[in-house]
């Protein structure tokens, strides 16, 4: 008889998040900016409505969460052009919760990733440049 077999149970979303963050070397906005200067890619996983409301970070690639693994895995036929082996990716969402989970999943498939502590809000509050544009999915924010 076929069916779904769960081999490991996680005691709620907080435990899931705590485990993901324990495996990441999360970056402050300043450290993320330095990593970007050194060649890391920056990815915004927020849906359009959040980007429209909050703004965007120039230089980030827009890849909404539901396509992330396929776009950044260098072995995927659906990868973006800049997805290459050994490239580091910095993922961000609004506050750094979803991005922690997403970065952890990327690492589990061999894509080097981390996220920004505090997400877009922390980036903006640190005085770093943001944009009021709404960029289409797959494009880089100007």
N, C-alpha and C. Protein backbone atom coordinates (compact mmCIF):
# COMPACT_ATOMS: atom_id res chain seq x y z
N UNK A 1 0.84 -1.17 0.00
CA UNK A 1 0.00 0.00 0.00
C UNK A 1 0.89 1.24 0.00
N UNK A 2 0.76 2.11 -1.00
CA UNK A 2 1.56 3.33 -1.11
C UNK A 2 1.06 4.40 -0.17
N UNK A 3 1.92 5.28 0.17
CA UNK A 3 1.53 6.38 1.03
C UNK A 3 2.73 7.20 1.44
N UNK A 4 2.46 8.27 2.07
CA UNK A 4 3.50 9.18 2.53
C UNK A 4 4.03 8.70 3.87
N UNK A 5 5.35 8.58 3.96
CA UNK A 5 5.98 8.18 5.20
C UNK A 5 6.85 9.33 5.68
N UNK A 6 6.57 9.82 6.84
CA UNK A 6 7.37 10.88 7.43
C UNK A 6 8.45 10.25 8.29
N UNK A 7 9.70 10.59 8.02
CA UNK A 7 10.78 9.99 8.77
C UNK A 7 11.28 10.86 9.91
N UNK A 8 10.96 12.15 9.85
CA UNK A 8 11.41 13.05 10.91
C UNK A 8 10.33 14.08 11.16
N UNK A 9 9.99 14.26 12.40
CA UNK A 9 8.96 15.23 12.76
C UNK A 9 9.62 16.44 13.41
N UNK A 10 9.27 17.61 12.94
CA UNK A 10 9.77 18.85 13.52
C UNK A 10 8.64 19.44 14.35
N UNK A 11 8.96 19.87 15.54
CA UNK A 11 7.95 20.35 16.48
C UNK A 11 7.57 21.80 16.19
N UNK A 12 7.00 22.06 15.03
CA UNK A 12 6.48 23.38 14.72
C UNK A 12 7.42 24.24 13.90
N UNK A 13 6.86 25.34 13.41
CA UNK A 13 7.59 26.21 12.52
C UNK A 13 8.75 26.92 13.21
N UNK A 14 8.61 27.23 14.49
CA UNK A 14 9.72 27.89 15.21
C UNK A 14 10.93 26.98 15.28
N UNK A 15 10.71 25.68 15.51
CA UNK A 15 11.82 24.73 15.54
C UNK A 15 12.44 24.58 14.15
N UNK A 16 11.60 24.60 13.13
CA UNK A 16 12.08 24.53 11.75
C UNK A 16 12.98 25.73 11.45
N UNK A 17 12.53 26.91 11.82
CA UNK A 17 13.29 28.14 11.60
C UNK A 17 14.59 28.12 12.40
N UNK A 18 14.53 27.72 13.65
CA UNK A 18 15.72 27.65 14.50
C UNK A 18 16.76 26.70 13.90
N UNK A 19 16.32 25.56 13.40
CA UNK A 19 17.24 24.61 12.78
C UNK A 19 17.88 25.18 11.53
N UNK A 20 17.08 25.84 10.71
CA UNK A 20 17.60 26.44 9.47
C UNK A 20 18.64 27.50 9.81
N UNK A 21 18.34 28.35 10.74
CA UNK A 21 19.26 29.43 11.09
C UNK A 21 20.54 28.90 11.74
N UNK A 22 20.46 27.79 12.43
CA UNK A 22 21.66 27.19 13.03
C UNK A 22 22.64 26.71 11.96
N UNK A 23 22.12 26.42 10.77
CA UNK A 23 22.97 25.94 9.67
C UNK A 23 23.47 27.06 8.77
N UNK A 24 23.01 28.29 9.00
CA UNK A 24 23.38 29.42 8.14
C UNK A 24 24.37 30.35 8.83
N UNK A 25 25.20 31.01 8.04
CA UNK A 25 26.02 32.11 8.52
C UNK A 25 25.32 33.37 8.01
N UNK A 26 24.31 33.81 8.75
CA UNK A 26 23.48 34.93 8.33
C UNK A 26 24.27 36.23 8.33
N UNK A 27 23.90 37.15 7.44
CA UNK A 27 24.66 38.38 7.25
C UNK A 27 23.88 39.62 7.68
N UNK A 28 24.59 40.56 8.27
CA UNK A 28 24.02 41.88 8.52
C UNK A 28 23.91 42.58 7.17
N UNK A 29 23.15 43.67 7.08
CA UNK A 29 23.13 44.41 5.81
C UNK A 29 24.53 44.83 5.35
N UNK A 30 25.38 45.28 6.27
CA UNK A 30 26.74 45.69 5.90
C UNK A 30 27.55 44.52 5.37
N UNK A 31 27.45 43.37 6.03
CA UNK A 31 28.18 42.19 5.58
C UNK A 31 27.63 41.68 4.25
N UNK A 32 26.32 41.79 4.06
CA UNK A 32 25.72 41.39 2.78
C UNK A 32 26.22 42.29 1.66
N UNK A 33 26.29 43.59 1.91
CA UNK A 33 26.79 44.52 0.89
C UNK A 33 28.22 44.19 0.52
N UNK A 34 29.03 43.84 1.50
CA UNK A 34 30.43 43.46 1.24
C UNK A 34 30.49 42.18 0.40
N UNK A 35 29.67 41.19 0.75
CA UNK A 35 29.64 39.94 0.00
C UNK A 35 29.21 40.18 -1.45
N UNK A 36 28.25 41.08 -1.64
CA UNK A 36 27.79 41.43 -3.00
C UNK A 36 28.93 42.09 -3.77
N UNK A 37 29.67 42.98 -3.11
CA UNK A 37 30.83 43.61 -3.75
C UNK A 37 31.88 42.57 -4.15
N UNK A 38 31.91 41.46 -3.42
CA UNK A 38 32.86 40.38 -3.70
C UNK A 38 32.29 39.31 -4.65
N UNK A 39 31.11 39.56 -5.23
CA UNK A 39 30.58 38.66 -6.25
C UNK A 39 29.38 37.82 -5.89
N UNK A 40 28.90 37.90 -4.66
CA UNK A 40 27.69 37.14 -4.30
C UNK A 40 26.49 37.71 -5.03
N UNK A 41 25.52 36.87 -5.33
CA UNK A 41 24.28 37.31 -5.94
C UNK A 41 23.25 37.62 -4.87
N UNK A 42 22.41 38.60 -5.12
CA UNK A 42 21.36 39.00 -4.19
C UNK A 42 20.01 38.68 -4.81
N UNK A 43 19.16 37.96 -4.07
CA UNK A 43 17.88 37.51 -4.59
C UNK A 43 16.74 37.93 -3.68
N UNK A 44 15.76 38.60 -4.27
CA UNK A 44 14.54 39.03 -3.58
C UNK A 44 13.46 38.00 -3.85
N UNK A 45 12.98 37.33 -2.80
CA UNK A 45 11.97 36.28 -2.98
C UNK A 45 10.56 36.75 -2.62
N UNK A 46 10.39 38.03 -2.35
CA UNK A 46 9.07 38.53 -1.96
C UNK A 46 8.12 38.57 -3.15
N UNK A 47 6.84 38.36 -2.90
CA UNK A 47 5.85 38.51 -3.98
C UNK A 47 5.72 39.97 -4.40
N UNK A 48 5.17 40.19 -5.57
CA UNK A 48 5.06 41.54 -6.13
C UNK A 48 4.37 42.51 -5.18
N UNK A 49 3.30 42.10 -4.52
CA UNK A 49 2.57 43.04 -3.67
C UNK A 49 3.46 43.58 -2.55
N UNK A 50 4.36 42.75 -2.02
CA UNK A 50 5.26 43.23 -0.96
C UNK A 50 6.32 44.16 -1.53
N UNK A 51 6.85 43.83 -2.70
CA UNK A 51 7.84 44.70 -3.33
C UNK A 51 7.23 46.05 -3.69
N UNK A 52 5.99 46.02 -4.15
CA UNK A 52 5.29 47.27 -4.48
C UNK A 52 5.09 48.13 -3.23
N UNK A 53 4.74 47.51 -2.13
CA UNK A 53 4.50 48.21 -0.87
C UNK A 53 5.78 48.72 -0.22
N UNK A 54 6.82 47.89 -0.22
CA UNK A 54 8.03 48.20 0.54
C UNK A 54 9.17 48.80 -0.27
N UNK A 55 9.28 48.42 -1.52
CA UNK A 55 10.40 48.84 -2.35
C UNK A 55 11.29 47.66 -2.69
N UNK A 56 12.39 47.94 -3.38
CA UNK A 56 13.31 46.90 -3.83
C UNK A 56 14.75 47.35 -3.61
N UNK A 57 15.67 46.40 -3.71
CA UNK A 57 17.09 46.70 -3.56
C UNK A 57 17.73 46.64 -4.95
N UNK A 58 18.28 47.76 -5.40
CA UNK A 58 18.95 47.76 -6.71
C UNK A 58 20.04 46.68 -6.78
N UNK A 59 20.08 45.98 -7.90
CA UNK A 59 21.05 44.91 -8.10
C UNK A 59 20.53 43.53 -7.74
N UNK A 60 19.39 43.47 -7.05
CA UNK A 60 18.85 42.16 -6.69
C UNK A 60 18.09 41.56 -7.87
N UNK A 61 18.12 40.24 -7.95
CA UNK A 61 17.36 39.50 -8.95
C UNK A 61 16.03 39.12 -8.31
N UNK A 62 14.96 39.30 -9.04
CA UNK A 62 13.63 38.95 -8.52
C UNK A 62 13.31 37.51 -8.89
N UNK A 63 13.24 36.66 -7.87
CA UNK A 63 12.84 35.26 -8.06
C UNK A 63 11.88 34.94 -6.92
N UNK A 64 10.61 34.92 -7.21
CA UNK A 64 9.64 34.65 -6.14
C UNK A 64 9.88 33.24 -5.58
N UNK A 65 9.54 33.07 -4.34
CA UNK A 65 9.89 31.86 -3.58
C UNK A 65 9.54 30.55 -4.28
N UNK A 66 8.45 30.47 -4.96
CA UNK A 66 8.02 29.20 -5.52
C UNK A 66 8.87 28.71 -6.69
N UNK A 67 9.78 29.53 -7.21
CA UNK A 67 10.66 29.12 -8.31
C UNK A 67 12.13 29.08 -7.91
N UNK A 68 12.44 29.39 -6.69
CA UNK A 68 13.81 29.65 -6.26
C UNK A 68 14.79 28.53 -6.58
N UNK A 69 14.49 27.31 -6.15
CA UNK A 69 15.43 26.20 -6.34
C UNK A 69 15.71 25.95 -7.82
N UNK A 70 14.69 26.02 -8.65
CA UNK A 70 14.84 25.76 -10.08
C UNK A 70 15.65 26.84 -10.78
N UNK A 71 15.57 28.06 -10.30
CA UNK A 71 16.28 29.17 -10.94
C UNK A 71 17.74 29.28 -10.50
N UNK A 72 18.08 28.81 -9.30
CA UNK A 72 19.44 28.97 -8.79
C UNK A 72 20.29 27.70 -8.85
N UNK A 73 19.69 26.56 -9.07
CA UNK A 73 20.45 25.32 -9.18
C UNK A 73 21.16 25.29 -10.53
N UNK A 74 22.50 25.30 -10.55
CA UNK A 74 23.23 25.32 -11.81
C UNK A 74 22.91 24.12 -12.72
N UNK A 75 22.43 23.02 -12.14
CA UNK A 75 22.10 21.83 -12.93
C UNK A 75 20.68 21.86 -13.49
N UNK A 76 19.90 22.83 -13.10
CA UNK A 76 18.51 22.90 -13.54
C UNK A 76 18.40 23.48 -14.96
N UNK A 77 17.56 22.88 -15.79
CA UNK A 77 17.35 23.45 -17.12
C UNK A 77 16.62 24.80 -17.06
N UNK A 78 16.05 25.13 -15.91
CA UNK A 78 15.31 26.38 -15.74
C UNK A 78 16.09 27.43 -14.96
N UNK A 79 17.40 27.24 -14.81
CA UNK A 79 18.24 28.16 -14.05
C UNK A 79 18.36 29.51 -14.75
N UNK A 80 18.66 30.53 -13.94
CA UNK A 80 18.97 31.84 -14.52
C UNK A 80 20.41 31.80 -15.02
N UNK A 81 20.74 32.71 -15.90
CA UNK A 81 22.08 32.72 -16.51
C UNK A 81 23.21 32.82 -15.48
N UNK A 82 22.99 33.57 -14.42
CA UNK A 82 24.05 33.78 -13.43
C UNK A 82 24.15 32.67 -12.39
N UNK A 83 23.32 31.64 -12.49
CA UNK A 83 23.40 30.50 -11.56
C UNK A 83 24.52 29.58 -12.02
N UNK A 84 25.64 29.67 -11.33
CA UNK A 84 26.79 28.85 -11.69
C UNK A 84 27.30 28.15 -10.44
N UNK A 85 28.01 27.04 -10.62
CA UNK A 85 28.53 26.32 -9.46
C UNK A 85 29.40 27.21 -8.59
N UNK A 86 29.29 27.04 -7.30
CA UNK A 86 30.08 27.72 -6.28
C UNK A 86 29.74 29.20 -6.10
N UNK A 87 28.76 29.74 -6.80
CA UNK A 87 28.37 31.12 -6.56
C UNK A 87 27.59 31.20 -5.25
N UNK A 88 27.90 32.20 -4.46
CA UNK A 88 27.16 32.42 -3.22
C UNK A 88 25.95 33.27 -3.52
N UNK A 89 24.82 32.92 -2.88
CA UNK A 89 23.58 33.68 -3.04
C UNK A 89 23.15 34.20 -1.68
N UNK A 90 22.69 35.44 -1.66
CA UNK A 90 22.14 36.05 -0.46
C UNK A 90 20.66 36.27 -0.74
N UNK A 91 19.84 35.61 0.02
CA UNK A 91 18.39 35.63 -0.16
C UNK A 91 17.79 36.61 0.84
N UNK A 92 16.78 37.35 0.40
CA UNK A 92 16.08 38.19 1.38
C UNK A 92 14.59 38.22 1.11
N UNK A 93 13.86 38.42 2.21
CA UNK A 93 12.42 38.64 2.18
C UNK A 93 12.19 39.92 2.98
N UNK A 94 11.03 40.13 3.49
CA UNK A 94 10.75 41.37 4.23
C UNK A 94 11.50 41.47 5.54
N UNK A 95 11.45 40.41 6.35
CA UNK A 95 12.01 40.49 7.70
C UNK A 95 13.03 39.40 8.02
N UNK A 96 13.28 38.49 7.09
CA UNK A 96 14.30 37.47 7.32
C UNK A 96 13.81 36.15 7.86
N UNK A 97 12.53 35.87 7.75
CA UNK A 97 12.03 34.57 8.19
C UNK A 97 11.98 33.59 7.02
N UNK A 98 11.21 33.90 6.00
CA UNK A 98 11.10 33.04 4.83
C UNK A 98 12.45 32.87 4.16
N UNK A 99 13.26 33.92 4.16
CA UNK A 99 14.58 33.82 3.52
C UNK A 99 15.50 32.84 4.24
N UNK A 100 15.40 32.73 5.54
CA UNK A 100 16.21 31.75 6.27
C UNK A 100 15.84 30.34 5.84
N UNK A 101 14.55 30.07 5.76
CA UNK A 101 14.10 28.74 5.34
C UNK A 101 14.52 28.47 3.90
N UNK A 102 14.39 29.46 3.03
CA UNK A 102 14.73 29.30 1.62
C UNK A 102 16.23 29.06 1.44
N UNK A 103 17.06 29.83 2.14
CA UNK A 103 18.51 29.65 2.04
C UNK A 103 18.93 28.27 2.53
N UNK A 104 18.29 27.79 3.58
CA UNK A 104 18.60 26.46 4.09
C UNK A 104 18.27 25.39 3.07
N UNK A 105 17.14 25.52 2.41
CA UNK A 105 16.77 24.55 1.36
C UNK A 105 17.77 24.60 0.22
N UNK A 106 18.18 25.79 -0.19
CA UNK A 106 19.18 25.90 -1.26
C UNK A 106 20.47 25.18 -0.88
N UNK A 107 20.93 25.39 0.35
CA UNK A 107 22.14 24.69 0.80
C UNK A 107 21.95 23.17 0.76
N UNK A 108 20.75 22.70 1.05
CA UNK A 108 20.50 21.25 1.06
C UNK A 108 20.59 20.64 -0.34
N UNK A 109 20.47 21.46 -1.39
CA UNK A 109 20.62 20.94 -2.76
C UNK A 109 21.97 21.33 -3.37
N UNK A 110 22.87 21.84 -2.53
CA UNK A 110 24.21 22.14 -2.99
C UNK A 110 24.44 23.54 -3.52
N UNK A 111 23.47 24.43 -3.35
CA UNK A 111 23.61 25.82 -3.77
C UNK A 111 24.00 26.63 -2.53
N UNK A 112 25.14 27.30 -2.56
CA UNK A 112 25.63 28.05 -1.41
C UNK A 112 24.77 29.30 -1.21
N UNK A 113 24.12 29.37 -0.05
CA UNK A 113 23.20 30.48 0.21
C UNK A 113 23.15 30.84 1.68
N UNK A 114 22.79 32.07 1.93
CA UNK A 114 22.51 32.58 3.27
C UNK A 114 21.45 33.65 3.12
N UNK A 115 21.18 34.38 4.20
CA UNK A 115 20.20 35.46 4.11
C UNK A 115 20.63 36.65 4.94
N UNK A 116 19.84 37.70 4.86
CA UNK A 116 20.12 38.94 5.58
C UNK A 116 19.30 38.96 6.87
N UNK A 117 19.98 39.13 7.98
CA UNK A 117 19.28 39.25 9.27
C UNK A 117 18.37 40.48 9.19
N UNK A 118 17.09 40.29 9.38
CA UNK A 118 16.14 41.39 9.34
C UNK A 118 15.60 41.71 7.96
N UNK A 119 16.12 41.04 6.93
CA UNK A 119 15.60 41.17 5.57
C UNK A 119 15.64 42.57 4.99
N UNK A 120 14.68 42.84 4.11
CA UNK A 120 14.60 44.13 3.44
C UNK A 120 14.48 45.27 4.44
N UNK A 121 13.69 45.06 5.49
CA UNK A 121 13.50 46.12 6.48
C UNK A 121 14.82 46.54 7.11
N UNK A 122 15.67 45.56 7.46
CA UNK A 122 16.97 45.88 8.06
C UNK A 122 17.87 46.58 7.05
N UNK A 123 17.84 46.14 5.80
CA UNK A 123 18.63 46.78 4.75
C UNK A 123 18.25 48.26 4.65
N UNK A 124 16.95 48.50 4.58
CA UNK A 124 16.46 49.87 4.45
C UNK A 124 16.80 50.70 5.70
N UNK A 125 16.59 50.13 6.87
CA UNK A 125 16.86 50.85 8.12
C UNK A 125 18.34 51.14 8.31
N UNK A 126 19.20 50.37 7.64
CA UNK A 126 20.65 50.61 7.75
C UNK A 126 21.09 51.78 6.88
N UNK A 127 20.14 52.36 6.13
CA UNK A 127 20.45 53.50 5.28
C UNK A 127 20.94 53.13 3.89
N UNK A 128 20.89 51.85 3.56
CA UNK A 128 21.33 51.41 2.23
C UNK A 128 20.28 51.78 1.19
N UNK A 129 20.72 51.89 -0.04
CA UNK A 129 19.84 52.34 -1.14
C UNK A 129 18.74 51.32 -1.41
N UNK A 130 17.53 51.84 -1.59
CA UNK A 130 16.40 51.05 -2.04
C UNK A 130 15.73 51.81 -3.19
N UNK A 131 14.84 51.12 -3.87
CA UNK A 131 14.17 51.69 -5.03
C UNK A 131 12.67 51.51 -4.88
N UNK A 132 11.88 52.42 -5.42
CA UNK A 132 10.42 52.29 -5.38
C UNK A 132 9.89 51.62 -6.63
N UNK A 133 10.75 51.06 -7.46
CA UNK A 133 10.32 50.38 -8.68
C UNK A 133 9.65 49.05 -8.34
N UNK A 134 8.96 48.47 -9.30
CA UNK A 134 8.43 47.12 -9.18
C UNK A 134 8.93 46.37 -10.41
N UNK A 135 9.91 45.53 -10.19
CA UNK A 135 10.61 44.84 -11.26
C UNK A 135 9.92 43.51 -11.55
N UNK A 136 9.91 43.13 -12.81
CA UNK A 136 9.26 41.87 -13.17
C UNK A 136 10.11 40.69 -12.71
N UNK A 137 9.45 39.57 -12.50
CA UNK A 137 10.11 38.35 -12.06
C UNK A 137 11.17 37.96 -13.08
N UNK A 138 12.34 37.58 -12.59
CA UNK A 138 13.44 37.16 -13.44
C UNK A 138 14.38 38.27 -13.83
N UNK A 139 13.98 39.51 -13.62
CA UNK A 139 14.80 40.65 -13.98
C UNK A 139 15.61 41.13 -12.77
N UNK A 140 16.60 41.95 -13.04
CA UNK A 140 17.43 42.55 -12.00
C UNK A 140 16.94 43.97 -11.75
N UNK A 141 16.80 44.32 -10.48
CA UNK A 141 16.34 45.66 -10.10
C UNK A 141 17.39 46.69 -10.51
N UNK A 142 16.95 47.73 -11.14
CA UNK A 142 17.86 48.82 -11.56
C UNK A 142 17.90 49.90 -10.52
